[in-house]
PDB file of N, CA and C in Angstrom:
ATOM      1  N   MET A   1       4.283  18.394  -0.263  1.00  0.00           N
ATOM      2  CA  MET A   1       5.029  17.186  -0.532  1.00  0.00           C
ATOM      3  C   MET A   1       4.808  16.834  -1.993  1.00  0.00           C
ATOM      4  N   GLY A   2       5.852  16.492  -2.667  1.00  0.00           N
ATOM      5  CA  GLY A   2       5.761  16.160  -4.072  1.00  0.00           C
ATOM      6  C   GLY A   2       5.194  14.773  -4.319  1.00  0.00           C
ATOM      7  N   PHE A   3       4.857  14.527  -5.556  1.00  0.00           N
ATOM      8  CA  PHE A   3       4.238  13.263  -5.943  1.00  0.00           C
ATOM      9  C   PHE A   3       5.167  12.078  -5.664  1.00  0.00           C
ATOM     10  N   ILE A   4       6.436  12.207  -5.989  1.00  0.00           N
ATOM     11  CA  ILE A   4       7.396  11.123  -5.767  1.00  0.00           C
ATOM     12  C   ILE A   4       7.554  10.861  -4.272  1.00  0.00           C
ATOM     13  N   ALA A   5       7.633  11.914  -3.475  1.00  0.00           N
ATOM     14  CA  ALA A   5       7.743  11.754  -2.024  1.00  0.00           C
ATOM     15  C   ALA A   5       6.501  11.066  -1.470  1.00  0.00           C
ATOM     16  N   PHE A   6       5.330  11.404  -2.012  1.00  0.00           N
ATOM     17  CA  PHE A   6       4.093  10.784  -1.566  1.00  0.00           C
ATOM     18  C   PHE A   6       4.090   9.289  -1.902  1.00  0.00           C
ATOM     19  N   LEU A   7       4.573   8.920  -3.084  1.00  0.00           N
ATOM     20  CA  LEU A   7       4.671   7.505  -3.453  1.00  0.00           C
ATOM     21  C   LEU A   7       5.642   6.759  -2.538  1.00  0.00           C
ATOM     22  N   ILE A   8       6.773   7.376  -2.242  1.00  0.00           N
ATOM     23  CA  ILE A   8       7.752   6.752  -1.349  1.00  0.00           C
ATOM     24  C   ILE A   8       7.149   6.575   0.038  1.00  0.00           C
ATOM     25  N   LEU A   9       6.441   7.591   0.518  1.00  0.00           N
ATOM     26  CA  LEU A   9       5.774   7.503   1.816  1.00  0.00           C
ATOM     27  C   LEU A   9       4.788   6.342   1.820  1.00  0.00           C
ATOM     28  N   GLY A  10       3.995   6.206   0.768  1.00  0.00           N
ATOM     29  CA  GLY A  10       3.029   5.121   0.670  1.00  0.00           C
ATOM     30  C   GLY A  10       3.681   3.750   0.629  1.00  0.00           C
ATOM     31  N   LEU A  11       4.774   3.633  -0.111  1.00  0.00           N
ATOM     32  CA  LEU A  11       5.479   2.350  -0.197  1.00  0.00           C
ATOM     33  C   LEU A  11       6.055   1.946   1.161  1.00  0.00           C
ATOM     34  N   ILE A  12       6.638   2.899   1.850  1.00  0.00           N
ATOM     35  CA  ILE A  12       7.197   2.609   3.176  1.00  0.00           C
ATOM     36  C   ILE A  12       6.083   2.313   4.168  1.00  0.00           C
ATOM     37  N   ALA A  13       4.988   3.065   4.100  1.00  0.00           N
ATOM     38  CA  ALA A  13       3.851   2.822   4.996  1.00  0.00           C
ATOM     39  C   ALA A  13       3.272   1.434   4.769  1.00  0.00           C
ATOM     40  N   GLY A  14       3.210   0.984   3.524  1.00  0.00           N
ATOM     41  CA  GLY A  14       2.742  -0.369   3.225  1.00  0.00           C
ATOM     42  C   GLY A  14       3.650  -1.427   3.828  1.00  0.00           C
ATOM     43  N   ALA A  15       4.947  -1.210   3.748  1.00  0.00           N
ATOM     44  CA  ALA A  15       5.900  -2.155   4.337  1.00  0.00           C
ATOM     45  C   ALA A  15       5.764  -2.179   5.858  1.00  0.00           C
ATOM     46  N   ILE A  16       5.563  -1.021   6.469  1.00  0.00           N
ATOM     47  CA  ILE A  16       5.385  -0.958   7.925  1.00  0.00           C
ATOM     48  C   ILE A  16       4.083  -1.644   8.320  1.00  0.00           C
ATOM     49  N   ALA A  17       3.010  -1.414   7.564  1.00  0.00           N
ATOM     50  CA  ALA A  17       1.730  -2.071   7.858  1.00  0.00           C
ATOM     51  C   ALA A  17       1.879  -3.588   7.764  1.00  0.00           C
ATOM     52  N   LYS A  18       2.597  -4.060   6.763  1.00  0.00           N
ATOM     53  CA  LYS A  18       2.837  -5.497   6.608  1.00  0.00           C
ATOM     54  C   LYS A  18       3.652  -6.027   7.777  1.00  0.00           C
ATOM     55  N   PHE A  19       4.602  -5.251   8.261  1.00  0.00           N
ATOM     56  CA  PHE A  19       5.415  -5.647   9.409  1.00  0.00           C
ATOM     57  C   PHE A  19       4.554  -5.733  10.666  1.00  0.00           C
ATOM     58  N   LEU A  20       3.640  -4.765  10.835  1.00  0.00           N
ATOM     59  CA  LEU A  20       2.782  -4.740  12.021  1.00  0.00           C
ATOM     60  C   LEU A  20       1.685  -5.806  11.967  1.00  0.00           C
ATOM     61  N   LEU A  21       1.298  -6.214  10.772  1.00  0.00           N
ATOM     62  CA  LEU A  21       0.272  -7.242  10.582  1.00  0.00           C
ATOM     63  C   LEU A  21       0.850  -8.383   9.752  1.00  0.00           C
ATOM     64  N   PRO A  22       1.722  -9.187  10.358  1.00  0.00           N
ATOM     65  CA  PRO A  22       2.349 -10.248   9.575  1.00  0.00           C
ATOM     66  C   PRO A  22       1.327 -11.312   9.183  1.00  0.00           C
ATOM     67  N   GLY A  23       1.658 -12.041   8.176  1.00  0.00           N
ATOM     68  CA  GLY A  23       0.794 -13.110   7.702  1.00  0.00           C
ATOM     69  C   GLY A  23       0.924 -13.230   6.208  1.00  0.00           C
ATOM     70  N   LYS A  24       0.334 -14.290   5.712  1.00  0.00           N
ATOM     71  CA  LYS A  24       0.412 -14.532   4.280  1.00  0.00           C
ATOM     72  C   LYS A  24      -0.692 -13.759   3.579  1.00  0.00           C
ATOM     73  N   ASP A  25      -0.293 -12.924   2.642  1.00  0.00           N
ATOM     74  CA  ASP A  25      -1.242 -12.137   1.863  1.00  0.00           C
ATOM     75  C   ASP A  25      -1.226 -12.605   0.425  1.00  0.00           C
ATOM     76  N   PRO A  26      -2.411 -12.753  -0.171  1.00  0.00           N
ATOM     77  CA  PRO A  26      -2.431 -13.066  -1.594  1.00  0.00           C
ATOM     78  C   PRO A  26      -1.837 -11.906  -2.391  1.00  0.00           C
ATOM     79  N   GLY A  27      -0.968 -12.185  -3.296  1.00  0.00           N
ATOM     80  CA  GLY A  27      -0.407 -11.143  -4.139  1.00  0.00           C
ATOM     81  C   GLY A  27       1.023 -10.788  -3.811  1.00  0.00           C
ATOM     82  N   GLY A  28       1.495 -11.102  -2.638  1.00  0.00           N
ATOM     83  CA  GLY A  28       2.883 -10.874  -2.291  1.00  0.00           C
ATOM     84  C   GLY A  28       3.229  -9.422  -1.979  1.00  0.00           C
ATOM     85  N   ILE A  29       4.500  -9.117  -2.078  1.00  0.00           N
ATOM     86  CA  ILE A  29       5.028  -7.818  -1.668  1.00  0.00           C
ATOM     87  C   ILE A  29       4.557  -6.687  -2.574  1.00  0.00           C
ATOM     88  N   LEU A  30       4.397  -6.962  -3.857  1.00  0.00           N
ATOM     89  CA  LEU A  30       3.951  -5.914  -4.770  1.00  0.00           C
ATOM     90  C   LEU A  30       2.566  -5.403  -4.406  1.00  0.00           C
ATOM     91  N   VAL A  31       1.670  -6.321  -4.107  1.00  0.00           N
ATOM     92  CA  VAL A  31       0.310  -5.929  -3.709  1.00  0.00           C
ATOM     93  C   VAL A  31       0.364  -5.171  -2.389  1.00  0.00           C
ATOM     94  N   THR A  32       1.222  -5.609  -1.478  1.00  0.00           N
ATOM     95  CA  THR A  32       1.356  -4.917  -0.191  1.00  0.00           C
ATOM     96  C   THR A  32       1.827  -3.480  -0.388  1.00  0.00           C
ATOM     97  N   LEU A  33       2.752  -3.260  -1.302  1.00  0.00           N
ATOM     98  CA  LEU A  33       3.241  -1.906  -1.558  1.00  0.00           C
ATOM     99  C   LEU A  33       2.165  -1.037  -2.212  1.00  0.00           C
ATOM    100  N   VAL A  34       1.403  -1.615  -3.120  1.00  0.00           N
ATOM    101  CA  VAL A  34       0.293  -0.869  -3.727  1.00  0.00           C
ATOM    102  C   VAL A  34      -0.749  -0.525  -2.663  1.00  0.00           C
ATOM    103  N   ILE A  35      -0.995  -1.469  -1.769  1.00  0.00           N
ATOM    104  CA  ILE A  35      -1.910  -1.211  -0.655  1.00  0.00           C
ATOM    105  C   ILE A  35      -1.392  -0.055   0.199  1.00  0.00           C
ATOM    106  N   GLY A  36      -0.086   0.044   0.354  1.00  0.00           N
ATOM    107  CA  GLY A  36       0.502   1.145   1.108  1.00  0.00           C
ATOM    108  C   GLY A  36       0.223   2.495   0.468  1.00  0.00           C
ATOM    109  N   VAL A  37       0.320   2.561  -0.838  1.00  0.00           N
ATOM    110  CA  VAL A  37       0.050   3.817  -1.543  1.00  0.00           C
ATOM    111  C   VAL A  37      -1.435   4.179  -1.411  1.00  0.00           C
ATOM    112  N   ILE A  38      -2.305   3.180  -1.599  1.00  0.00           N
ATOM    113  CA  ILE A  38      -3.742   3.427  -1.437  1.00  0.00           C
ATOM    114  C   ILE A  38      -4.052   3.815   0.008  1.00  0.00           C
ATOM    115  N   GLY A  39      -3.396   3.159   0.946  1.00  0.00           N
ATOM    116  CA  GLY A  39      -3.583   3.473   2.358  1.00  0.00           C
ATOM    117  C   GLY A  39      -3.116   4.878   2.707  1.00  0.00           C
ATOM    118  N   ALA A  40      -2.040   5.317   2.093  1.00  0.00           N
ATOM    119  CA  ALA A  40      -1.560   6.683   2.324  1.00  0.00           C
ATOM    120  C   ALA A  40      -2.585   7.692   1.823  1.00  0.00           C
ATOM    121  N   LEU A  41      -3.184   7.400   0.682  1.00  0.00           N
ATOM    122  CA  LEU A  41      -4.248   8.269   0.172  1.00  0.00           C
ATOM    123  C   LEU A  41      -5.437   8.286   1.133  1.00  0.00           C
ATOM    124  N   LEU A  42      -5.846   7.097   1.576  1.00  0.00           N
ATOM    125  CA  LEU A  42      -6.970   6.992   2.510  1.00  0.00           C
ATOM    126  C   LEU A  42      -6.659   7.703   3.824  1.00  0.00           C
ATOM    127  N   GLY A  43      -5.473   7.474   4.361  1.00  0.00           N
ATOM    128  CA  GLY A  43      -5.075   8.109   5.611  1.00  0.00           C
ATOM    129  C   GLY A  43      -5.031   9.621   5.509  1.00  0.00           C
ATOM    130  N   GLY A  44      -4.520  10.121   4.413  1.00  0.00           N
ATOM    131  CA  GLY A  44      -4.485  11.572   4.204  1.00  0.00           C
ATOM    132  C   GLY A  44      -5.876  12.155   4.088  1.00  0.00           C
ATOM    133  N   TRP A  45      -6.745  11.457   3.380  1.00  0.00           N
ATOM    134  CA  TRP A  45      -8.130  11.919   3.232  1.00  0.00           C
ATOM    135  C   TRP A  45      -8.857  11.902   4.572  1.00  0.00           C
ATOM    136  N   LEU A  46      -8.711  10.806   5.331  1.00  0.00           N
ATOM    137  CA  LEU A  46      -9.366  10.719   6.641  1.00  0.00           C
ATOM    138  C   LEU A  46      -8.821  11.758   7.616  1.00  0.00           C
ATOM    139  N   GLY A  47      -7.507  11.981   7.582  1.00  0.00           N
ATOM    140  CA  GLY A  47      -6.909  12.997   8.446  1.00  0.00           C
ATOM    141  C   GLY A  47      -7.444  14.377   8.148  1.00  0.00           C
ATOM    142  N   GLY A  48      -7.609  14.672   6.875  1.00  0.00           N
ATOM    143  CA  GLY A  48      -8.171  15.965   6.486  1.00  0.00           C
ATOM    144  C   GLY A  48      -9.632  16.082   6.862  1.00  0.00           C
ATOM    145  N   LEU A  49     -10.374  15.001   6.701  1.00  0.00           N
ATOM    146  CA  LEU A  49     -11.801  14.996   6.995  1.00  0.00           C
ATOM    147  C   LEU A  49     -12.080  15.090   8.491  1.00  0.00           C
ATOM    148  N   LEU A  50     -11.382  14.296   9.278  1.00  0.00           N
ATOM    149  CA  LEU A  50     -11.656  14.222  10.713  1.00  0.00           C
ATOM    150  C   LEU A  50     -10.981  15.320  11.530  1.00  0.00           C
ATOM    151  N   PHE A  51      -9.769  15.678  11.159  1.00  0.00           N
ATOM    152  CA  PHE A  51      -8.989  16.592  11.990  1.00  0.00           C
ATOM    153  C   PHE A  51      -8.630  17.900  11.307  1.00  0.00           C
ATOM    154  N   GLY A  52      -9.037  18.068  10.075  1.00  0.00           N
ATOM    155  CA  GLY A  52      -8.713  19.286   9.348  1.00  0.00           C
ATOM    156  C   GLY A  52      -7.238  19.408   9.012  1.00  0.00           C
ATOM    157  N   ALA A  53      -6.523  18.290   9.062  1.00  0.00           N
ATOM    158  CA  ALA A  53      -5.091  18.291   8.775  1.00  0.00           C
ATOM    159  C   ALA A  53      -4.864  18.332   7.267  1.00  0.00           C
ATOM    160  N   ASP A  54      -3.788  18.943   6.887  1.00  0.00           N
ATOM    161  CA  ASP A  54      -3.410  18.964   5.476  1.00  0.00           C
ATOM    162  C   ASP A  54      -2.716  17.649   5.161  1.00  0.00           C
ATOM    163  N   PRO A  55      -3.305  16.810   4.274  1.00  0.00           N
ATOM    164  CA  PRO A  55      -2.702  15.510   3.999  1.00  0.00           C
ATOM    165  C   PRO A  55      -1.342  15.598   3.336  1.00  0.00           C
ATOM    166  N   MET A  56      -0.999  16.732   2.796  1.00  0.00           N
ATOM    167  CA  MET A  56       0.291  16.902   2.145  1.00  0.00           C
ATOM    168  C   MET A  56       1.205  17.786   2.984  1.00  0.00           C
ATOM    169  N   ASP A  57       1.132  17.645   4.331  1.00  0.00           N
ATOM    170  CA  ASP A  57       1.942  18.464   5.236  1.00  0.00           C
ATOM    171  C   ASP A  57       3.410  18.452   4.852  1.00  0.00           C
ATOM    172  N   GLY A  58       3.977  17.310   4.802  1.00  0.00           N
ATOM    173  CA  GLY A  58       5.381  17.191   4.457  1.00  0.00           C
ATOM    174  C   GLY A  58       5.848  15.776   4.695  1.00  0.00           C
ATOM    175  N   PHE A  59       6.913  15.425   4.035  1.00  0.00           N
ATOM    176  CA  PHE A  59       7.425  14.060   4.116  1.00  0.00           C
ATOM    177  C   PHE A  59       7.889  13.720   5.523  1.00  0.00           C
ATOM    178  N   PHE A  60       8.443  14.676   6.226  1.00  0.00           N
ATOM    179  CA  PHE A  60       9.004  14.403   7.546  1.00  0.00           C
ATOM    180  C   PHE A  60       8.061  14.765   8.685  1.00  0.00           C
ATOM    181  N   GLU A  61       6.820  15.075   8.384  1.00  0.00           N
ATOM    182  CA  GLU A  61       5.836  15.377   9.417  1.00  0.00           C
ATOM    183  C   GLU A  61       5.303  14.073  10.004  1.00  0.00           C
ATOM    184  N   LEU A  62       5.261  13.993  11.325  1.00  0.00           N
ATOM    185  CA  LEU A  62       4.772  12.799  11.998  1.00  0.00           C
ATOM    186  C   LEU A  62       3.329  12.502  11.628  1.00  0.00           C
ATOM    187  N   SER A  63       2.522  13.537  11.480  1.00  0.00           N
ATOM    188  CA  SER A  63       1.108  13.333  11.147  1.00  0.00           C
ATOM    189  C   SER A  63       0.945  12.663   9.784  1.00  0.00           C
ATOM    190  N   SER A  64       1.795  12.972   8.842  1.00  0.00           N
ATOM    191  CA  SER A  64       1.739  12.338   7.517  1.00  0.00           C
ATOM    192  C   SER A  64       2.038  10.850   7.623  1.00  0.00           C
ATOM    193  N   TRP A  65       3.046  10.509   8.404  1.00  0.00           N
ATOM    194  CA  TRP A  65       3.430   9.108   8.566  1.00  0.00           C
ATOM    195  C   TRP A  65       2.366   8.314   9.313  1.00  0.00           C
ATOM    196  N   VAL A  66       1.847   8.871  10.393  1.00  0.00           N
ATOM    197  CA  VAL A  66       0.818   8.169  11.170  1.00  0.00           C
ATOM    198  C   VAL A  66      -0.420   7.946  10.316  1.00  0.00           C
ATOM    199  N   ALA A  67      -0.846   8.969   9.596  1.00  0.00           N
ATOM    200  CA  ALA A  67      -2.027   8.837   8.740  1.00  0.00           C
ATOM    201  C   ALA A  67      -1.797   7.795   7.657  1.00  0.00           C
ATOM    202  N   ALA A  68      -0.638   7.785   7.042  1.00  0.00           N
ATOM    203  CA  ALA A  68      -0.338   6.826   5.980  1.00  0.00           C
ATOM    204  C   ALA A  68      -0.288   5.397   6.509  1.00  0.00           C
ATOM    205  N   ILE A  69       0.305   5.212   7.675  1.00  0.00           N
ATOM    206  CA  ILE A  69       0.409   3.865   8.247  1.00  0.00           C
ATOM    207  C   ILE A  69      -0.960   3.358   8.683  1.00  0.00           C
ATOM    208  N   ILE A  70      -1.748   4.204   9.337  1.00  0.00           N
ATOM    209  CA  ILE A  70      -3.091   3.792   9.749  1.00  0.00           C
ATOM    210  C   ILE A  70      -3.955   3.489   8.532  1.00  0.00           C
ATOM    211  N   GLY A  71      -3.882   4.322   7.523  1.00  0.00           N
ATOM    212  CA  GLY A  71      -4.617   4.063   6.289  1.00  0.00           C
ATOM    213  C   GLY A  71      -4.189   2.763   5.638  1.00  0.00           C
ATOM    214  N   SER A  72      -2.893   2.478   5.640  1.00  0.00           N
ATOM    215  CA  SER A  72      -2.382   1.235   5.056  1.00  0.00           C
ATOM    216  C   SER A  72      -2.851   0.018   5.834  1.00  0.00           C
ATOM    217  N   ILE A  73      -2.894   0.132   7.150  1.00  0.00           N
ATOM    218  CA  ILE A  73      -3.382  -0.977   7.974  1.00  0.00           C
ATOM    219  C   ILE A  73      -4.852  -1.244   7.675  1.00  0.00           C
ATOM    220  N   ILE A  74      -5.644  -0.189   7.557  1.00  0.00           N
ATOM    221  CA  ILE A  74      -7.071  -0.347   7.246  1.00  0.00           C
ATOM    222  C   ILE A  74      -7.251  -1.027   5.894  1.00  0.00           C
ATOM    223  N   VAL A  75      -6.540  -0.543   4.880  1.00  0.00           N
ATOM    224  CA  VAL A  75      -6.665  -1.119   3.546  1.00  0.00           C
ATOM    225  C   VAL A  75      -6.171  -2.566   3.535  1.00  0.00           C
ATOM    226  N   LEU A  76      -5.099  -2.863   4.253  1.00  0.00           N
ATOM    227  CA  LEU A  76      -4.578  -4.227   4.313  1.00  0.00           C
ATOM    228  C   LEU A  76      -5.586  -5.168   4.969  1.00  0.00           C
ATOM    229  N   LEU A  77      -6.220  -4.729   6.051  1.00  0.00           N
ATOM    230  CA  LEU A  77      -7.228  -5.559   6.707  1.00  0.00           C
ATOM    231  C   LEU A  77      -8.430  -5.810   5.797  1.00  0.00           C
ATOM    232  N   VAL A  78      -8.892  -4.772   5.118  1.00  0.00           N
ATOM    233  CA  VAL A  78     -10.016  -4.936   4.195  1.00  0.00           C
ATOM    234  C   VAL A  78      -9.622  -5.870   3.056  1.00  0.00           C
ATOM    235  N   TYR A  79      -8.425  -5.710   2.540  1.00  0.00           N
ATOM    236  CA  TYR A  79      -7.948  -6.578   1.453  1.00  0.00           C
ATOM    237  C   TYR A  79      -7.902  -8.034   1.897  1.00  0.00           C
ATOM    238  N   ARG A  80      -7.420  -8.275   3.116  1.00  0.00           N
ATOM    239  CA  ARG A  80      -7.372  -9.648   3.623  1.00  0.00           C
ATOM    240  C   ARG A  80      -8.772 -10.235   3.766  1.00  0.00           C
ATOM    241  N   MET A  81      -9.722  -9.431   4.208  1.00  0.00           N
ATOM    242  CA  MET A  81     -11.094  -9.924   4.346  1.00  0.00           C
ATOM    243  C   MET A  81     -11.681 -10.273   2.988  1.00  0.00           C
ATOM    244  N   VAL A  82     -11.477  -9.412   2.014  1.00  0.00           N
ATOM    245  CA  VAL A  82     -12.036  -9.639   0.679  1.00  0.00           C
ATOM    246  C   VAL A  82     -11.314 -10.778  -0.033  1.00  0.00           C
ATOM    247  N   ALA A  83      -9.995 -10.755  -0.027  1.00  0.00           N
ATOM    248  CA  ALA A  83      -9.214 -11.784  -0.727  1.00  0.00           C
ATOM    249  C   ALA A  83      -9.297 -13.120  -0.007  1.00  0.00           C
ATOM    250  N   GLY A  84      -9.497 -13.116   1.285  1.00  0.00           N
ATOM    251  CA  GLY A  84      -9.590 -14.358   2.038  1.00  0.00           C
ATOM    252  C   GLY A  84     -10.884 -15.106   1.799  1.00  0.00           C
ATOM    253  N   ARG A  85     -11.900 -14.446   1.298  1.00  0.00           N
ATOM    254  CA  ARG A  85     -13.192 -15.091   1.038  1.00  0.00           C
ATOM    255  C   ARG A  85     -13.203 -15.867  -0.259  1.00  0.00           C
ATOM    256  N   ARG A  86     -12.266 -15.606  -1.120  1.00  0.00           N
ATOM    257  CA  ARG A  86     -12.215 -16.322  -2.403  1.00  0.00           C
ATOM    258  C   ARG A  86     -11.862 -17.785  -2.151  1.00  0.00           C
ATOM    259  N   THR A  87     -12.536 -18.633  -2.831  1.00  0.00           N
ATOM    260  CA  THR A  87     -12.216 -20.063  -2.728  1.00  0.00           C
ATOM    261  C   THR A  87     -11.248 -20.431  -3.836  1.00  0.00           C
ATOM    262  N   ARG A  88     -10.291 -21.233  -3.505  1.00  0.00           N
ATOM    263  CA  ARG A  88      -9.295 -21.656  -4.497  1.00  0.00           C
ATOM    264  C   ARG A  88      -9.572 -23.071  -4.912  1.00  0.00           C
ATOM    265  N   VAL A  89      -9.456 -23.288  -6.181  1.00  0.00           N
ATOM    266  CA  VAL A  89      -9.744 -24.620  -6.731  1.00  0.00           C
ATOM    267  C   VAL A  89      -8.471 -25.379  -6.920  1.00  0.00           C
TER     268      VAL A  89
END
């Protein structure tokens, strides 16, 4: 899978993660999309580590999408925990 396809996968995975975990996030949609890209990286790495899967299988492979979405959900939850602890003045 090419770099551009991987970025598109991450952006879409971030949007899906946001859809599955609705709520107000600090940073808005841009941060959510960046979280999707980071989540896709995390999901691909975890998939390779745990299951021996190739994280760059292909854009249309179900395993790539599932790994990216799960990774995005994990990163989104961690981001909410960290960003939610900040006190606003």
